[in-house]
Amino acid sequence: MADREPPEDALSNLRRRVDAARGQGPSQSPPPESPASLALRFGGEFGAAIIVGALLGYGVDYFVHTGPWGLVIGLGLGFAAGVVNVVRVAQSYNRANPPDPNAPSIPDDEED
């Protein structure tokens, strides 16, 4: 028992380890290296949400015997969840990589 650290040292050691772990968390991930990787993430998020919604709807149809309605509702909810996921990914990317305010604007193609 005499070889244990005092409570203050143990607490500071724990704080140091927690701070080190927080610095290496997934929130510190670098931005995608190419537009293709961002597009693949968009597609993956959207496709996964639709597939999960369809499978849950099919499962409801199978166990409750409601015909195609569970699948139709599951597809609709999966589509909505996919759109929400894509918007969240786009917003987080834009927050992490803000546009340059000094960049030249793109001219409008409309004829006056």
N, C-alpha and C. Protein backbone atom coordinates (compact mmCIF):
# COMPACT_ATOMS: atom_id res chain seq x y z
N MET A 1 0.80 -1.19 0.00
CA MET A 1 0.00 0.00 0.00
C MET A 1 0.84 1.26 0.00
N ALA A 2 2.05 1.16 0.50
CA ALA A 2 2.90 2.34 0.61
C ALA A 2 3.44 2.77 -0.75
N ASP A 3 3.42 1.87 -1.74
CA ASP A 3 4.00 2.22 -3.04
C ASP A 3 2.98 2.87 -3.97
N ARG A 4 1.75 3.09 -3.56
CA ARG A 4 0.74 3.74 -4.39
C ARG A 4 1.01 5.23 -4.48
N GLU A 5 0.60 5.83 -5.61
CA GLU A 5 0.77 7.27 -5.81
C GLU A 5 -0.22 8.03 -4.94
N PRO A 6 0.14 9.22 -4.51
CA PRO A 6 -0.84 10.05 -3.81
C PRO A 6 -2.00 10.38 -4.76
N PRO A 7 -3.18 10.67 -4.23
CA PRO A 7 -4.34 10.93 -5.10
C PRO A 7 -4.12 12.09 -6.07
N GLU A 8 -3.37 13.11 -5.69
CA GLU A 8 -3.14 14.25 -6.58
C GLU A 8 -2.30 13.83 -7.78
N ASP A 9 -1.27 13.00 -7.56
CA ASP A 9 -0.44 12.54 -8.66
C ASP A 9 -1.22 11.62 -9.60
N ALA A 10 -2.02 10.76 -9.04
CA ALA A 10 -2.82 9.87 -9.86
C ALA A 10 -3.82 10.67 -10.70
N LEU A 11 -4.41 11.69 -10.12
CA LEU A 11 -5.37 12.52 -10.85
C LEU A 11 -4.69 13.29 -11.97
N SER A 12 -3.52 13.85 -11.70
CA SER A 12 -2.82 14.58 -12.77
C SER A 12 -2.36 13.63 -13.86
N ASN A 13 -1.96 12.41 -13.47
CA ASN A 13 -1.57 11.42 -14.47
C ASN A 13 -2.77 11.05 -15.35
N LEU A 14 -3.94 10.89 -14.74
CA LEU A 14 -5.15 10.58 -15.49
C LEU A 14 -5.52 11.73 -16.43
N ARG A 15 -5.43 12.96 -15.94
CA ARG A 15 -5.73 14.11 -16.80
C ARG A 15 -4.79 14.17 -17.99
N ARG A 16 -3.52 13.89 -17.76
CA ARG A 16 -2.53 13.92 -18.83
C ARG A 16 -2.85 12.86 -19.88
N ARG A 17 -3.24 11.67 -19.44
CA ARG A 17 -3.56 10.60 -20.38
C ARG A 17 -4.86 10.91 -21.15
N VAL A 18 -5.84 11.50 -20.47
CA VAL A 18 -7.09 11.87 -21.15
C VAL A 18 -6.84 12.94 -22.20
N ASP A 19 -6.02 13.95 -21.85
CA ASP A 19 -5.70 15.01 -22.81
C ASP A 19 -4.95 14.44 -24.01
N ALA A 20 -4.06 13.50 -23.78
CA ALA A 20 -3.33 12.89 -24.89
C ALA A 20 -4.27 12.09 -25.78
N ALA A 21 -5.23 11.39 -25.16
CA ALA A 21 -6.17 10.60 -25.94
C ALA A 21 -7.12 11.49 -26.74
N ARG A 22 -7.52 12.61 -26.16
CA ARG A 22 -8.42 13.52 -26.88
C ARG A 22 -7.73 14.15 -28.08
N GLY A 23 -6.46 14.36 -28.02
CA GLY A 23 -5.73 14.95 -29.13
C GLY A 23 -5.63 14.02 -30.32
N GLN A 24 -5.83 12.73 -30.13
CA GLN A 24 -5.71 11.76 -31.21
C GLN A 24 -7.05 11.16 -31.60
N GLY A 25 -8.15 11.81 -31.28
CA GLY A 25 -9.48 11.29 -31.55
C GLY A 25 -9.87 11.43 -33.00
N PRO A 26 -11.01 10.85 -33.39
CA PRO A 26 -11.46 10.91 -34.78
C PRO A 26 -11.88 12.31 -35.22
N SER A 27 -12.14 13.21 -34.28
CA SER A 27 -12.55 14.55 -34.68
C SER A 27 -11.39 15.34 -35.27
N GLN A 28 -10.16 14.89 -35.07
CA GLN A 28 -8.99 15.56 -35.60
C GLN A 28 -8.54 14.96 -36.93
N SER A 29 -9.41 14.24 -37.60
CA SER A 29 -9.04 13.60 -38.86
C SER A 29 -8.80 14.65 -39.93
N PRO A 30 -7.81 14.42 -40.79
CA PRO A 30 -7.52 15.39 -41.85
C PRO A 30 -8.62 15.40 -42.90
N PRO A 31 -8.74 16.49 -43.66
CA PRO A 31 -9.76 16.53 -44.71
C PRO A 31 -9.43 15.52 -45.80
N PRO A 32 -10.40 15.14 -46.60
CA PRO A 32 -10.12 14.20 -47.69
C PRO A 32 -9.04 14.74 -48.61
N GLU A 33 -8.26 13.82 -49.14
CA GLU A 33 -7.15 14.23 -49.98
C GLU A 33 -7.58 14.61 -51.39
N SER A 34 -8.74 14.16 -51.82
CA SER A 34 -9.18 14.48 -53.17
C SER A 34 -10.69 14.64 -53.20
N PRO A 35 -11.20 15.31 -54.22
CA PRO A 35 -12.65 15.42 -54.36
C PRO A 35 -13.31 14.05 -54.57
N ALA A 36 -12.58 13.10 -55.14
CA ALA A 36 -13.14 11.77 -55.35
C ALA A 36 -13.42 11.07 -54.02
N SER A 37 -12.56 11.24 -53.04
CA SER A 37 -12.80 10.60 -51.75
C SER A 37 -14.00 11.23 -51.06
N LEU A 38 -14.18 12.53 -51.21
CA LEU A 38 -15.35 13.18 -50.64
C LEU A 38 -16.63 12.69 -51.34
N ALA A 39 -16.58 12.54 -52.65
CA ALA A 39 -17.74 12.05 -53.40
C ALA A 39 -18.06 10.61 -53.01
N LEU A 40 -17.05 9.78 -52.79
CA LEU A 40 -17.29 8.42 -52.36
C LEU A 40 -17.91 8.38 -50.97
N ARG A 41 -17.51 9.30 -50.11
CA ARG A 41 -18.11 9.35 -48.78
C ARG A 41 -19.57 9.77 -48.88
N PHE A 42 -19.87 10.75 -49.73
CA PHE A 42 -21.27 11.15 -49.94
C PHE A 42 -22.10 9.95 -50.40
N GLY A 43 -21.60 9.25 -51.41
CA GLY A 43 -22.32 8.11 -51.95
C GLY A 43 -22.48 6.99 -50.94
N GLY A 44 -21.45 6.75 -50.16
CA GLY A 44 -21.52 5.70 -49.14
C GLY A 44 -22.53 6.03 -48.06
N GLU A 45 -22.53 7.27 -47.60
CA GLU A 45 -23.49 7.68 -46.57
C GLU A 45 -24.92 7.56 -47.10
N PHE A 46 -25.14 8.01 -48.32
CA PHE A 46 -26.49 8.00 -48.90
C PHE A 46 -26.95 6.56 -49.16
N GLY A 47 -26.09 5.78 -49.79
CA GLY A 47 -26.45 4.39 -50.12
C GLY A 47 -26.69 3.55 -48.88
N ALA A 48 -25.85 3.72 -47.86
CA ALA A 48 -26.02 2.93 -46.64
C ALA A 48 -27.33 3.26 -45.95
N ALA A 49 -27.70 4.52 -45.92
CA ALA A 49 -28.96 4.90 -45.28
C ALA A 49 -30.16 4.30 -46.02
N ILE A 50 -30.12 4.29 -47.34
CA ILE A 50 -31.23 3.72 -48.11
C ILE A 50 -31.30 2.20 -47.90
N ILE A 51 -30.16 1.54 -47.90
CA ILE A 51 -30.14 0.09 -47.72
C ILE A 51 -30.65 -0.29 -46.33
N VAL A 52 -30.21 0.43 -45.31
CA VAL A 52 -30.68 0.13 -43.95
C VAL A 52 -32.17 0.38 -43.82
N GLY A 53 -32.67 1.47 -44.39
CA GLY A 53 -34.10 1.74 -44.35
C GLY A 53 -34.91 0.66 -45.06
N ALA A 54 -34.42 0.22 -46.22
CA ALA A 54 -35.12 -0.82 -46.98
C ALA A 54 -35.12 -2.15 -46.21
N LEU A 55 -34.00 -2.49 -45.61
CA LEU A 55 -33.94 -3.74 -44.85
C LEU A 55 -34.84 -3.71 -43.62
N LEU A 56 -34.87 -2.58 -42.94
CA LEU A 56 -35.77 -2.47 -41.78
C LEU A 56 -37.23 -2.54 -42.22
N GLY A 57 -37.56 -1.88 -43.33
CA GLY A 57 -38.93 -1.94 -43.84
C GLY A 57 -39.32 -3.34 -44.28
N TYR A 58 -38.39 -4.04 -44.92
CA TYR A 58 -38.66 -5.42 -45.33
C TYR A 58 -38.84 -6.31 -44.10
N GLY A 59 -38.04 -6.07 -43.07
CA GLY A 59 -38.18 -6.85 -41.84
C GLY A 59 -39.53 -6.62 -41.19
N VAL A 60 -40.00 -5.39 -41.19
CA VAL A 60 -41.34 -5.11 -40.65
C VAL A 60 -42.39 -5.84 -41.48
N ASP A 61 -42.27 -5.80 -42.81
CA ASP A 61 -43.22 -6.50 -43.67
C ASP A 61 -43.22 -8.00 -43.41
N TYR A 62 -42.05 -8.55 -43.20
CA TYR A 62 -41.92 -9.99 -43.02
C TYR A 62 -42.59 -10.44 -41.72
N PHE A 63 -42.37 -9.70 -40.65
CA PHE A 63 -42.89 -10.14 -39.36
C PHE A 63 -44.33 -9.69 -39.11
N VAL A 64 -44.74 -8.57 -39.66
CA VAL A 64 -46.08 -8.04 -39.38
C VAL A 64 -47.06 -8.37 -40.52
N HIS A 65 -46.56 -8.82 -41.68
CA HIS A 65 -47.38 -9.16 -42.84
C HIS A 65 -48.20 -7.96 -43.31
N THR A 66 -47.51 -6.86 -43.55
CA THR A 66 -48.21 -5.64 -43.97
C THR A 66 -48.08 -5.39 -45.46
N GLY A 67 -47.57 -6.33 -46.22
CA GLY A 67 -47.45 -6.12 -47.65
C GLY A 67 -46.26 -5.22 -47.96
N PRO A 68 -46.33 -4.45 -49.01
CA PRO A 68 -45.16 -3.64 -49.38
C PRO A 68 -45.04 -2.34 -48.60
N TRP A 69 -45.97 -2.06 -47.68
CA TRP A 69 -45.96 -0.75 -47.05
C TRP A 69 -44.77 -0.52 -46.14
N GLY A 70 -44.33 -1.52 -45.44
CA GLY A 70 -43.14 -1.35 -44.60
C GLY A 70 -41.91 -1.04 -45.44
N LEU A 71 -41.78 -1.73 -46.58
CA LEU A 71 -40.65 -1.49 -47.47
C LEU A 71 -40.72 -0.09 -48.07
N VAL A 72 -41.90 0.34 -48.48
CA VAL A 72 -42.05 1.68 -49.06
C VAL A 72 -41.72 2.76 -48.03
N ILE A 73 -42.24 2.60 -46.83
CA ILE A 73 -41.96 3.58 -45.78
C ILE A 73 -40.49 3.54 -45.38
N GLY A 74 -39.92 2.33 -45.31
CA GLY A 74 -38.50 2.21 -44.99
C GLY A 74 -37.62 2.86 -46.04
N LEU A 75 -37.96 2.70 -47.30
CA LEU A 75 -37.20 3.36 -48.37
C LEU A 75 -37.30 4.87 -48.26
N GLY A 76 -38.50 5.36 -47.97
CA GLY A 76 -38.68 6.81 -47.82
C GLY A 76 -37.88 7.36 -46.66
N LEU A 77 -37.95 6.67 -45.52
CA LEU A 77 -37.18 7.13 -44.36
C LEU A 77 -35.67 7.00 -44.61
N GLY A 78 -35.26 5.94 -45.30
CA GLY A 78 -33.85 5.78 -45.64
C GLY A 78 -33.36 6.89 -46.57
N PHE A 79 -34.20 7.27 -47.53
CA PHE A 79 -33.85 8.36 -48.43
C PHE A 79 -33.68 9.66 -47.66
N ALA A 80 -34.64 9.93 -46.76
CA ALA A 80 -34.55 11.16 -45.96
C ALA A 80 -33.32 11.15 -45.06
N ALA A 81 -33.04 10.01 -44.44
CA ALA A 81 -31.85 9.91 -43.59
C ALA A 81 -30.57 10.07 -44.41
N GLY A 82 -30.57 9.55 -45.63
CA GLY A 82 -29.40 9.70 -46.50
C GLY A 82 -29.15 11.15 -46.87
N VAL A 83 -30.21 11.88 -47.17
CA VAL A 83 -30.07 13.30 -47.50
C VAL A 83 -29.53 14.06 -46.29
N VAL A 84 -30.06 13.76 -45.11
CA VAL A 84 -29.58 14.43 -43.89
C VAL A 84 -28.10 14.12 -43.65
N ASN A 85 -27.70 12.86 -43.85
CA ASN A 85 -26.30 12.49 -43.66
C ASN A 85 -25.38 13.21 -44.64
N VAL A 86 -25.79 13.30 -45.89
CA VAL A 86 -24.96 13.99 -46.89
C VAL A 86 -24.83 15.47 -46.54
N VAL A 87 -25.92 16.08 -46.11
CA VAL A 87 -25.86 17.50 -45.73
C VAL A 87 -24.94 17.69 -44.54
N ARG A 88 -24.99 16.79 -43.55
CA ARG A 88 -24.09 16.89 -42.40
C ARG A 88 -22.63 16.75 -42.80
N VAL A 89 -22.33 15.81 -43.68
CA VAL A 89 -20.95 15.63 -44.14
C VAL A 89 -20.48 16.88 -44.88
N ALA A 90 -21.33 17.44 -45.73
CA ALA A 90 -20.96 18.64 -46.49
C ALA A 90 -20.74 19.82 -45.55
N GLN A 91 -21.59 19.97 -44.53
CA GLN A 91 -21.42 21.07 -43.59
C GLN A 91 -20.15 20.91 -42.78
N SER A 92 -19.83 19.70 -42.35
CA SER A 92 -18.60 19.50 -41.57
C SER A 92 -17.38 19.74 -42.44
N TYR A 93 -17.45 19.36 -43.71
CA TYR A 93 -16.32 19.63 -44.61
C TYR A 93 -16.15 21.13 -44.82
N ASN A 94 -17.26 21.84 -45.00
CA ASN A 94 -17.18 23.29 -45.21
C ASN A 94 -16.69 24.01 -43.96
N ARG A 95 -17.06 23.52 -42.77
CA ARG A 95 -16.55 24.13 -41.54
C ARG A 95 -15.05 23.89 -41.39
N ALA A 96 -14.60 22.71 -41.78
CA ALA A 96 -13.18 22.39 -41.64
C ALA A 96 -12.34 23.07 -42.73
N ASN A 97 -12.92 23.35 -43.88
CA ASN A 97 -12.20 23.95 -45.01
C ASN A 97 -13.00 25.13 -45.54
N PRO A 98 -12.96 26.27 -44.85
CA PRO A 98 -13.75 27.42 -45.32
C PRO A 98 -13.22 27.94 -46.65
N PRO A 99 -14.10 28.49 -47.48
CA PRO A 99 -13.65 29.03 -48.76
C PRO A 99 -12.83 30.30 -48.56
N ASP A 100 -11.97 30.57 -49.50
CA ASP A 100 -11.13 31.76 -49.45
C ASP A 100 -11.99 32.98 -49.81
N PRO A 101 -12.08 33.98 -48.91
CA PRO A 101 -12.91 35.15 -49.23
C PRO A 101 -12.31 36.00 -50.35
N ASN A 102 -11.04 35.84 -50.64
CA ASN A 102 -10.39 36.63 -51.70
C ASN A 102 -10.38 35.91 -53.04
N ALA A 103 -11.01 34.75 -53.11
CA ALA A 103 -11.04 34.00 -54.36
C ALA A 103 -11.92 34.74 -55.37
N PRO A 104 -11.57 34.68 -56.66
CA PRO A 104 -12.39 35.37 -57.66
C PRO A 104 -13.75 34.68 -57.78
N SER A 105 -14.77 35.48 -57.99
CA SER A 105 -16.11 34.91 -58.14
C SER A 105 -16.31 34.41 -59.56
N ILE A 106 -17.23 33.49 -59.72
CA ILE A 106 -17.52 32.92 -61.04
C ILE A 106 -18.57 33.83 -61.69
N PRO A 107 -18.32 34.29 -62.92
CA PRO A 107 -19.30 35.18 -63.57
C PRO A 107 -20.59 34.43 -63.90
N ASP A 108 -21.68 35.17 -63.90
CA ASP A 108 -22.98 34.63 -64.20
C ASP A 108 -23.10 34.44 -65.71
N ASP A 109 -23.69 33.31 -66.13
CA ASP A 109 -23.83 33.03 -67.56
C ASP A 109 -25.12 33.55 -68.16
N GLU A 110 -25.98 34.13 -67.33
CA GLU A 110 -27.24 34.62 -67.86
C GLU A 110 -27.01 35.80 -68.80
N GLU A 111 -27.83 35.82 -69.83
CA GLU A 111 -27.76 36.94 -70.76
C GLU A 111 -28.65 38.05 -70.26
N ASP A 112 -28.17 39.25 -70.28
CA ASP A 112 -28.97 40.39 -69.80
C ASP A 112 -29.86 40.95 -70.85
